[in-house]
mmCIF file of all heavy atoms, coordinates in Angstrom:
data_MODEL
# 
_entry.id   MODEL 
# 
loop_
_atom_site.group_PDB 
_atom_site.id 
_atom_site.type_symbol 
_atom_site.label_atom_id 
_atom_site.label_alt_id 
_atom_site.label_comp_id 
_atom_site.label_asym_id 
_atom_site.label_entity_id 
_atom_site.label_seq_id 
_atom_site.pdbx_PDB_ins_code 
_atom_site.Cartn_x 
_atom_site.Cartn_y 
_atom_site.Cartn_z 
_atom_site.occupancy 
_atom_site.B_iso_or_equiv 
_atom_site.pdbx_formal_charge 
_atom_site.auth_seq_id 
_atom_site.auth_comp_id 
_atom_site.auth_asym_id 
_atom_site.auth_atom_id 
_atom_site.pdbx_PDB_model_num 
ATOM 1   N N   . ALA A 1 1  ? 0.830  -1.212 -0.006  1.00 0.00 ? 1  ALA A N   1 
ATOM 2   C CA  . ALA A 1 1  ? -0.004 0.010  -0.004  1.00 0.00 ? 1  ALA A CA  1 
ATOM 3   C C   . ALA A 1 1  ? 0.874  1.227  0.025   1.00 0.00 ? 1  ALA A C   1 
ATOM 4   O O   . ALA A 1 1  ? 0.541  2.297  -0.712  1.00 0.00 ? 1  ALA A O   1 
ATOM 5   C CB  . ALA A 1 1  ? -0.934 0.014  1.183   1.00 0.00 ? 1  ALA A CB  1 
ATOM 6   N N   . GLU A 1 2  ? 1.947  1.235  0.748   1.00 0.00 ? 2  GLU A N   1 
ATOM 7   C CA  . GLU A 1 2  ? 2.877  2.373  0.770   1.00 0.00 ? 2  GLU A CA  1 
ATOM 8   C C   . GLU A 1 2  ? 3.522  2.590  -0.581  1.00 0.00 ? 2  GLU A C   1 
ATOM 9   O O   . GLU A 1 2  ? 3.637  3.755  -1.081  1.00 0.00 ? 2  GLU A O   1 
ATOM 10  C CB  . GLU A 1 2  ? 3.961  2.175  1.799   1.00 0.00 ? 2  GLU A CB  1 
ATOM 11  C CG  . GLU A 1 2  ? 5.046  3.205  1.875   1.00 0.00 ? 2  GLU A CG  1 
ATOM 12  C CD  . GLU A 1 2  ? 4.613  4.575  2.313   1.00 0.00 ? 2  GLU A CD  1 
ATOM 13  O OE1 . GLU A 1 2  ? 3.365  4.785  2.588   1.00 0.00 ? 2  GLU A OE1 1 
ATOM 14  O OE2 . GLU A 1 2  ? 5.462  5.448  2.402   1.00 0.00 ? 2  GLU A OE2 1 
ATOM 15  N N   . ALA A 1 3  ? 3.871  1.546  -1.287  1.00 0.00 ? 3  ALA A N   1 
ATOM 16  C CA  . ALA A 1 3  ? 4.473  1.674  -2.604  1.00 0.00 ? 3  ALA A CA  1 
ATOM 17  C C   . ALA A 1 3  ? 3.459  2.260  -3.586  1.00 0.00 ? 3  ALA A C   1 
ATOM 18  O O   . ALA A 1 3  ? 3.824  3.121  -4.423  1.00 0.00 ? 3  ALA A O   1 
ATOM 19  C CB  . ALA A 1 3  ? 4.935  0.286  -3.114  1.00 0.00 ? 3  ALA A CB  1 
ATOM 20  N N   . ILE A 1 4  ? 2.204  1.826  -3.470  1.00 0.00 ? 4  ILE A N   1 
ATOM 21  C CA  . ILE A 1 4  ? 1.147  2.411  -4.352  1.00 0.00 ? 4  ILE A CA  1 
ATOM 22  C C   . ILE A 1 4  ? 0.956  3.894  -4.059  1.00 0.00 ? 4  ILE A C   1 
ATOM 23  O O   . ILE A 1 4  ? 0.863  4.687  -4.966  1.00 0.00 ? 4  ILE A O   1 
ATOM 24  C CB  . ILE A 1 4  ? -0.164 1.647  -4.189  1.00 0.00 ? 4  ILE A CB  1 
ATOM 25  C CG1 . ILE A 1 4  ? -0.019 0.238  -4.722  1.00 0.00 ? 4  ILE A CG1 1 
ATOM 26  C CG2 . ILE A 1 4  ? -1.304 2.395  -4.865  1.00 0.00 ? 4  ILE A CG2 1 
ATOM 27  C CD1 . ILE A 1 4  ? -1.247 -0.633 -4.459  1.00 0.00 ? 4  ILE A CD1 1 
ATOM 28  N N   . ARG A 1 5  ? 0.919  4.238  -2.791  1.00 0.00 ? 5  ARG A N   1 
ATOM 29  C CA  . ARG A 1 5  ? 0.734  5.643  -2.385  1.00 0.00 ? 5  ARG A CA  1 
ATOM 30  C C   . ARG A 1 5  ? 1.868  6.520  -3.011  1.00 0.00 ? 5  ARG A C   1 
ATOM 31  O O   . ARG A 1 5  ? 1.600  7.571  -3.595  1.00 0.00 ? 5  ARG A O   1 
ATOM 32  C CB  . ARG A 1 5  ? 0.736  5.769  -0.903  1.00 0.00 ? 5  ARG A CB  1 
ATOM 33  C CG  . ARG A 1 5  ? 0.491  7.142  -0.363  1.00 0.00 ? 5  ARG A CG  1 
ATOM 34  C CD  . ARG A 1 5  ? 0.511  7.191  1.201   1.00 0.00 ? 5  ARG A CD  1 
ATOM 35  N NE  . ARG A 1 5  ? 1.892  7.038  1.641   1.00 0.00 ? 5  ARG A NE  1 
ATOM 36  C CZ  . ARG A 1 5  ? 2.785  8.080  1.741   1.00 0.00 ? 5  ARG A CZ  1 
ATOM 37  N NH1 . ARG A 1 5  ? 2.416  9.271  1.391   1.00 0.00 ? 5  ARG A NH1 1 
ATOM 38  N NH2 . ARG A 1 5  ? 3.954  7.856  2.235   1.00 0.00 ? 5  ARG A NH2 1 
ATOM 39  N N   . LEU A 1 6  ? 3.136  6.076  -2.875  1.00 0.00 ? 6  LEU A N   1 
ATOM 40  C CA  . LEU A 1 6  ? 4.205  6.863  -3.373  1.00 0.00 ? 6  LEU A CA  1 
ATOM 41  C C   . LEU A 1 6  ? 4.242  6.963  -4.924  1.00 0.00 ? 6  LEU A C   1 
ATOM 42  O O   . LEU A 1 6  ? 4.573  7.937  -5.491  1.00 0.00 ? 6  LEU A O   1 
ATOM 43  C CB  . LEU A 1 6  ? 5.522  6.288  -2.879  1.00 0.00 ? 6  LEU A CB  1 
ATOM 44  C CG  . LEU A 1 6  ? 5.784  6.381  -1.359  1.00 0.00 ? 6  LEU A CG  1 
ATOM 45  C CD1 . LEU A 1 6  ? 7.061  5.626  -0.940  1.00 0.00 ? 6  LEU A CD1 1 
ATOM 46  C CD2 . LEU A 1 6  ? 5.864  7.851  -0.922  1.00 0.00 ? 6  LEU A CD2 1 
ATOM 47  N N   . THR A 1 7  ? 3.834  5.804  -5.535  1.00 0.00 ? 7  THR A N   1 
ATOM 48  C CA  . THR A 1 7  ? 3.781  5.794  -7.023  1.00 0.00 ? 7  THR A CA  1 
ATOM 49  C C   . THR A 1 7  ? 2.686  6.735  -7.511  1.00 0.00 ? 7  THR A C   1 
ATOM 50  O O   . THR A 1 7  ? 2.808  7.396  -8.548  1.00 0.00 ? 7  THR A O   1 
ATOM 51  C CB  . THR A 1 7  ? 3.614  4.393  -7.548  1.00 0.00 ? 7  THR A CB  1 
ATOM 52  O OG1 . THR A 1 7  ? 4.616  3.537  -6.977  1.00 0.00 ? 7  THR A OG1 1 
ATOM 53  C CG2 . THR A 1 7  ? 3.716  4.388  -9.075  1.00 0.00 ? 7  THR A CG2 1 
ATOM 54  N N   . ARG A 1 8  ? 1.589  6.802  -6.793  1.00 0.00 ? 8  ARG A N   1 
ATOM 55  C CA  . ARG A 1 8  ? 0.520  7.808  -7.130  1.00 0.00 ? 8  ARG A CA  1 
ATOM 56  C C   . ARG A 1 8  ? 1.102  9.198  -7.062  1.00 0.00 ? 8  ARG A C   1 
ATOM 57  O O   . ARG A 1 8  ? 0.821  10.033 -7.954  1.00 0.00 ? 8  ARG A O   1 
ATOM 58  C CB  . ARG A 1 8  ? -0.678 7.624  -6.206  1.00 0.00 ? 8  ARG A CB  1 
ATOM 59  C CG  . ARG A 1 8  ? -1.602 6.506  -6.420  1.00 0.00 ? 8  ARG A CG  1 
ATOM 60  C CD  . ARG A 1 8  ? -2.841 6.669  -5.596  1.00 0.00 ? 8  ARG A CD  1 
ATOM 61  N NE  . ARG A 1 8  ? -3.718 5.479  -5.654  1.00 0.00 ? 8  ARG A NE  1 
ATOM 62  C CZ  . ARG A 1 8  ? -4.588 5.270  -6.622  1.00 0.00 ? 8  ARG A CZ  1 
ATOM 63  N NH1 . ARG A 1 8  ? -4.626 6.096  -7.656  1.00 0.00 ? 8  ARG A NH1 1 
ATOM 64  N NH2 . ARG A 1 8  ? -5.340 4.176  -6.600  1.00 0.00 ? 8  ARG A NH2 1 
ATOM 65  N N   . GLN A 1 9  ? 1.842  9.493  -6.017  1.00 0.00 ? 9  GLN A N   1 
ATOM 66  C CA  . GLN A 1 9  ? 2.431  10.824 -5.864  1.00 0.00 ? 9  GLN A CA  1 
ATOM 67  C C   . GLN A 1 9  ? 3.333  11.125 -7.048  1.00 0.00 ? 9  GLN A C   1 
ATOM 68  O O   . GLN A 1 9  ? 3.365  12.206 -7.660  1.00 0.00 ? 9  GLN A O   1 
ATOM 69  C CB  . GLN A 1 9  ? 3.211  10.914 -4.622  1.00 0.00 ? 9  GLN A CB  1 
ATOM 70  C CG  . GLN A 1 9  ? 2.423  11.054 -3.307  1.00 0.00 ? 9  GLN A CG  1 
ATOM 71  C CD  . GLN A 1 9  ? 3.276  11.322 -2.093  1.00 0.00 ? 9  GLN A CD  1 
ATOM 72  O OE1 . GLN A 1 9  ? 4.498  11.471 -2.203  1.00 0.00 ? 9  GLN A OE1 1 
ATOM 73  N NE2 . GLN A 1 9  ? 2.615  11.302 -0.940  1.00 0.00 ? 9  GLN A NE2 1 
ATOM 74  N N   . LEU A 1 10 ? 4.181  10.144 -7.428  1.00 0.00 ? 10 LEU A N   1 
ATOM 75  C CA  . LEU A 1 10 ? 5.094  10.281 -8.558  1.00 0.00 ? 10 LEU A CA  1 
ATOM 76  C C   . LEU A 1 10 ? 4.312  10.499 -9.835  1.00 0.00 ? 10 LEU A C   1 
ATOM 77  O O   . LEU A 1 10 ? 4.709  11.352 -10.674 1.00 0.00 ? 10 LEU A O   1 
ATOM 78  C CB  . LEU A 1 10 ? 5.982  9.103  -8.646  1.00 0.00 ? 10 LEU A CB  1 
ATOM 79  C CG  . LEU A 1 10 ? 7.179  9.197  -9.656  1.00 0.00 ? 10 LEU A CG  1 
ATOM 80  C CD1 . LEU A 1 10 ? 8.041  10.380 -9.300  1.00 0.00 ? 10 LEU A CD1 1 
ATOM 81  C CD2 . LEU A 1 10 ? 7.980  7.923  -9.638  1.00 0.00 ? 10 LEU A CD2 1 
ATOM 82  N N   . ALA A 1 11 ? 3.257  9.765  -10.062 1.00 0.00 ? 11 ALA A N   1 
ATOM 83  C CA  . ALA A 1 11 ? 2.432  9.862  -11.294 1.00 0.00 ? 11 ALA A CA  1 
ATOM 84  C C   . ALA A 1 11 ? 1.809  11.257 -11.343 1.00 0.00 ? 11 ALA A C   1 
ATOM 85  O O   . ALA A 1 11 ? 1.645  11.770 -12.493 1.00 0.00 ? 11 ALA A O   1 
ATOM 86  C CB  . ALA A 1 11 ? 1.409  8.783  -11.359 1.00 0.00 ? 11 ALA A CB  1 
ATOM 87  N N   . ALA A 1 12 ? 1.429  11.790 -10.174 1.00 0.00 ? 12 ALA A N   1 
ATOM 88  C CA  . ALA A 1 12 ? 0.794  13.092 -10.170 1.00 0.00 ? 12 ALA A CA  1 
ATOM 89  C C   . ALA A 1 12 ? 1.838  14.238 -10.472 1.00 0.00 ? 12 ALA A C   1 
ATOM 90  O O   . ALA A 1 12 ? 1.473  15.278 -11.033 1.00 0.00 ? 12 ALA A O   1 
ATOM 91  C CB  . ALA A 1 12 ? 0.161  13.377 -8.851  1.00 0.00 ? 12 ALA A CB  1 
ATOM 92  N N   . ALA A 1 13 ? 3.108  13.971 -10.193 1.00 0.00 ? 13 ALA A N   1 
ATOM 93  C CA  . ALA A 1 13 ? 4.137  14.992 -10.345 1.00 0.00 ? 13 ALA A CA  1 
ATOM 94  C C   . ALA A 1 13 ? 4.836  14.842 -11.680 1.00 0.00 ? 13 ALA A C   1 
ATOM 95  O O   . ALA A 1 13 ? 5.414  15.911 -12.172 1.00 0.00 ? 13 ALA A O   1 
ATOM 96  C CB  . ALA A 1 13 ? 5.168  14.828 -9.212  1.00 0.00 ? 13 ALA A CB  1 
ATOM 97  N N   . ILE A 1 14 ? 4.858  13.659 -12.309 1.00 0.00 ? 14 ILE A N   1 
ATOM 98  C CA  . ILE A 1 14 ? 5.661  13.444 -13.523 1.00 0.00 ? 14 ILE A CA  1 
ATOM 99  C C   . ILE A 1 14 ? 4.793  12.789 -14.559 1.00 0.00 ? 14 ILE A C   1 
ATOM 100 O O   . ILE A 1 14 ? 4.202  11.773 -14.350 1.00 0.00 ? 14 ILE A O   1 
ATOM 101 C CB  . ILE A 1 14 ? 6.869  12.564 -13.207 1.00 0.00 ? 14 ILE A CB  1 
ATOM 102 C CG1 . ILE A 1 14 ? 7.783  13.207 -12.205 1.00 0.00 ? 14 ILE A CG1 1 
ATOM 103 C CG2 . ILE A 1 14 ? 7.669  12.287 -14.459 1.00 0.00 ? 14 ILE A CG2 1 
ATOM 104 C CD1 . ILE A 1 14 ? 8.972  12.313 -11.785 1.00 0.00 ? 14 ILE A CD1 1 
ATOM 105 N N   . ASP A 1 15 ? 4.780  13.390 -15.788 1.00 0.00 ? 15 ASP A N   1 
ATOM 106 C CA  . ASP A 1 15 ? 4.028  12.850 -16.881 1.00 0.00 ? 15 ASP A CA  1 
ATOM 107 C C   . ASP A 1 15 ? 4.937  11.916 -17.610 1.00 0.00 ? 15 ASP A C   1 
ATOM 108 O O   . ASP A 1 15 ? 5.674  12.336 -18.537 1.00 0.00 ? 15 ASP A O   1 
ATOM 109 C CB  . ASP A 1 15 ? 3.537  13.959 -17.763 1.00 0.00 ? 15 ASP A CB  1 
ATOM 110 C CG  . ASP A 1 15 ? 2.662  13.452 -18.891 1.00 0.00 ? 15 ASP A CG  1 
ATOM 111 O OD1 . ASP A 1 15 ? 2.132  12.299 -18.821 1.00 0.00 ? 15 ASP A OD1 1 
ATOM 112 O OD2 . ASP A 1 15 ? 2.491  14.158 -19.917 1.00 0.00 ? 15 ASP A OD2 1 
ATOM 113 N N   . HIS A 1 16 ? 4.896  10.608 -17.272 1.00 0.00 ? 16 HIS A N   1 
ATOM 114 C CA  . HIS A 1 16 ? 5.937  9.648  -17.805 1.00 0.00 ? 16 HIS A CA  1 
ATOM 115 C C   . HIS A 1 16 ? 5.169  8.318  -17.989 1.00 0.00 ? 16 HIS A C   1 
ATOM 116 O O   . HIS A 1 16 ? 4.550  7.781  -17.060 1.00 0.00 ? 16 HIS A O   1 
ATOM 117 C CB  . HIS A 1 16 ? 7.063  9.447  -16.803 1.00 0.00 ? 16 HIS A CB  1 
ATOM 118 C CG  . HIS A 1 16 ? 8.194  8.727  -17.288 1.00 0.00 ? 16 HIS A CG  1 
ATOM 119 N ND1 . HIS A 1 16 ? 8.166  7.414  -17.749 1.00 0.00 ? 16 HIS A ND1 1 
ATOM 120 C CD2 . HIS A 1 16 ? 9.515  9.135  -17.472 1.00 0.00 ? 16 HIS A CD2 1 
ATOM 121 C CE1 . HIS A 1 16 ? 9.365  7.038  -18.105 1.00 0.00 ? 16 HIS A CE1 1 
ATOM 122 N NE2 . HIS A 1 16 ? 10.173 8.050  -18.004 1.00 0.00 ? 16 HIS A NE2 1 
ATOM 123 N N   . PRO A 1 17 ? 5.215  7.735  -19.175 1.00 0.00 ? 17 PRO A N   1 
ATOM 124 C CA  . PRO A 1 17 ? 4.410  6.505  -19.445 1.00 0.00 ? 17 PRO A CA  1 
ATOM 125 C C   . PRO A 1 17 ? 4.864  5.308  -18.567 1.00 0.00 ? 17 PRO A C   1 
ATOM 126 O O   . PRO A 1 17 ? 3.974  4.514  -18.191 1.00 0.00 ? 17 PRO A O   1 
ATOM 127 C CB  . PRO A 1 17 ? 4.661  6.242  -20.927 1.00 0.00 ? 17 PRO A CB  1 
ATOM 128 C CG  . PRO A 1 17 ? 5.839  7.007  -21.306 1.00 0.00 ? 17 PRO A CG  1 
ATOM 129 C CD  . PRO A 1 17 ? 5.848  8.183  -20.402 1.00 0.00 ? 17 PRO A CD  1 
ATOM 130 N N   . GLU A 1 18 ? 6.138  5.216  -18.226 1.00 0.00 ? 18 GLU A N   1 
ATOM 131 C CA  . GLU A 1 18 ? 6.533  4.101  -17.330 1.00 0.00 ? 18 GLU A CA  1 
ATOM 132 C C   . GLU A 1 18 ? 6.100  4.287  -15.884 1.00 0.00 ? 18 GLU A C   1 
ATOM 133 O O   . GLU A 1 18 ? 5.890  3.353  -15.203 1.00 0.00 ? 18 GLU A O   1 
ATOM 134 C CB  . GLU A 1 18 ? 8.040  3.899  -17.393 1.00 0.00 ? 18 GLU A CB  1 
ATOM 135 C CG  . GLU A 1 18 ? 8.490  3.006  -18.558 1.00 0.00 ? 18 GLU A CG  1 
ATOM 136 C CD  . GLU A 1 18 ? 8.037  1.600  -18.366 1.00 0.00 ? 18 GLU A CD  1 
ATOM 137 O OE1 . GLU A 1 18 ? 6.855  1.264  -18.716 1.00 0.00 ? 18 GLU A OE1 1 
ATOM 138 O OE2 . GLU A 1 18 ? 8.833  0.765  -17.886 1.00 0.00 ? 18 GLU A OE2 1 
ATOM 139 N N   . VAL A 1 19 ? 6.005  5.564  -15.433 1.00 0.00 ? 19 VAL A N   1 
ATOM 140 C CA  . VAL A 1 19 ? 5.411  5.814  -14.083 1.00 0.00 ? 19 VAL A CA  1 
ATOM 141 C C   . VAL A 1 19 ? 3.973  5.343  -14.110 1.00 0.00 ? 19 VAL A C   1 
ATOM 142 O O   . VAL A 1 19 ? 3.525  4.640  -13.173 1.00 0.00 ? 19 VAL A O   1 
ATOM 143 C CB  . VAL A 1 19 ? 5.533  7.302  -13.720 1.00 0.00 ? 19 VAL A CB  1 
ATOM 144 C CG1 . VAL A 1 19 ? 4.824  7.542  -12.381 1.00 0.00 ? 19 VAL A CG1 1 
ATOM 145 C CG2 . VAL A 1 19 ? 6.996  7.717  -13.630 1.00 0.00 ? 19 VAL A CG2 1 
ATOM 146 N N   . ALA A 1 20 ? 3.258  5.730  -15.141 1.00 0.00 ? 20 ALA A N   1 
ATOM 147 C CA  . ALA A 1 20 ? 1.887  5.260  -15.274 1.00 0.00 ? 20 ALA A CA  1 
ATOM 148 C C   . ALA A 1 20 ? 1.765  3.726  -15.407 1.00 0.00 ? 20 ALA A C   1 
ATOM 149 O O   . ALA A 1 20 ? 0.907  3.119  -14.786 1.00 0.00 ? 20 ALA A O   1 
ATOM 150 C CB  . ALA A 1 20 ? 1.152  5.880  -16.464 1.00 0.00 ? 20 ALA A CB  1 
ATOM 151 N N   . GLY A 1 21 ? 2.730  3.156  -16.116 1.00 0.00 ? 21 GLY A N   1 
ATOM 152 C CA  . GLY A 1 21 ? 2.746  1.701  -16.287 1.00 0.00 ? 21 GLY A CA  1 
ATOM 153 C C   . GLY A 1 21 ? 2.949  0.973  -14.963 1.00 0.00 ? 21 GLY A C   1 
ATOM 154 O O   . GLY A 1 21 ? 2.306  -0.030 -14.635 1.00 0.00 ? 21 GLY A O   1 
ATOM 155 N N   . LEU A 1 22 ? 3.852  1.533  -14.109 1.00 0.00 ? 22 LEU A N   1 
ATOM 156 C CA  . LEU A 1 22 ? 4.101  0.928  -12.827 1.00 0.00 ? 22 LEU A CA  1 
ATOM 157 C C   . LEU A 1 22 ? 2.860  1.039  -11.901 1.00 0.00 ? 22 LEU A C   1 
ATOM 158 O O   . LEU A 1 22 ? 2.503  0.086  -11.233 1.00 0.00 ? 22 LEU A O   1 
ATOM 159 C CB  . LEU A 1 22 ? 5.312  1.540  -12.159 1.00 0.00 ? 22 LEU A CB  1 
ATOM 160 C CG  . LEU A 1 22 ? 5.678  1.029  -10.771 1.00 0.00 ? 22 LEU A CG  1 
ATOM 161 C CD1 . LEU A 1 22 ? 5.903  -0.466 -10.793 1.00 0.00 ? 22 LEU A CD1 1 
ATOM 162 C CD2 . LEU A 1 22 ? 6.893  1.767  -10.160 1.00 0.00 ? 22 LEU A CD2 1 
ATOM 163 N N   . LEU A 1 23 ? 2.285  2.209  -11.945 1.00 0.00 ? 23 LEU A N   1 
ATOM 164 C CA  . LEU A 1 23 ? 1.071  2.393  -11.103 1.00 0.00 ? 23 LEU A CA  1 
ATOM 165 C C   . LEU A 1 23 ? -0.020 1.427  -11.527 1.00 0.00 ? 23 LEU A C   1 
ATOM 166 O O   . LEU A 1 23 ? -0.729 0.810  -10.689 1.00 0.00 ? 23 LEU A O   1 
ATOM 167 C CB  . LEU A 1 23 ? 0.536  3.838  -11.181 1.00 0.00 ? 23 LEU A CB  1 
ATOM 168 C CG  . LEU A 1 23 ? -0.722 4.156  -10.370 1.00 0.00 ? 23 LEU A CG  1 
ATOM 169 C CD1 . LEU A 1 23 ? -0.531 3.826  -8.922  1.00 0.00 ? 23 LEU A CD1 1 
ATOM 170 C CD2 . LEU A 1 23 ? -1.096 5.627  -10.557 1.00 0.00 ? 23 LEU A CD2 1 
ATOM 171 N N   . ALA A 1 24 ? -0.240 1.286  -12.836 1.00 0.00 ? 24 ALA A N   1 
ATOM 172 C CA  . ALA A 1 24 ? -1.238 0.336  -13.322 1.00 0.00 ? 24 ALA A CA  1 
ATOM 173 C C   . ALA A 1 24 ? -0.922 -1.067 -12.916 1.00 0.00 ? 24 ALA A C   1 
ATOM 174 O O   . ALA A 1 24 ? -1.811 -1.860 -12.444 1.00 0.00 ? 24 ALA A O   1 
ATOM 175 C CB  . ALA A 1 24 ? -1.339 0.430  -14.872 1.00 0.00 ? 24 ALA A CB  1 
ATOM 176 N N   . LEU A 1 25 ? 0.355  -1.498 -13.008 1.00 0.00 ? 25 LEU A N   1 
ATOM 177 C CA  . LEU A 1 25 ? 0.775  -2.802 -12.578 1.00 0.00 ? 25 LEU A CA  1 
ATOM 178 C C   . LEU A 1 25 ? 0.487  -3.075 -11.141 1.00 0.00 ? 25 LEU A C   1 
ATOM 179 O O   . LEU A 1 25 ? -0.067 -4.135 -10.786 1.00 0.00 ? 25 LEU A O   1 
ATOM 180 C CB  . LEU A 1 25 ? 2.292  -2.955 -12.871 1.00 0.00 ? 25 LEU A CB  1 
ATOM 181 C CG  . LEU A 1 25 ? 2.914  -4.299 -12.436 1.00 0.00 ? 25 LEU A CG  1 
ATOM 182 C CD1 . LEU A 1 25 ? 2.329  -5.460 -13.138 1.00 0.00 ? 25 LEU A CD1 1 
ATOM 183 C CD2 . LEU A 1 25 ? 4.437  -4.207 -12.625 1.00 0.00 ? 25 LEU A CD2 1 
# 
């Protein structure tokens, strides 16, 4: 859950397809 929370923060800050891919995964 903590990893998802931090990845959400990163996705909100950076427009990057692999960040989105990791969050989706």
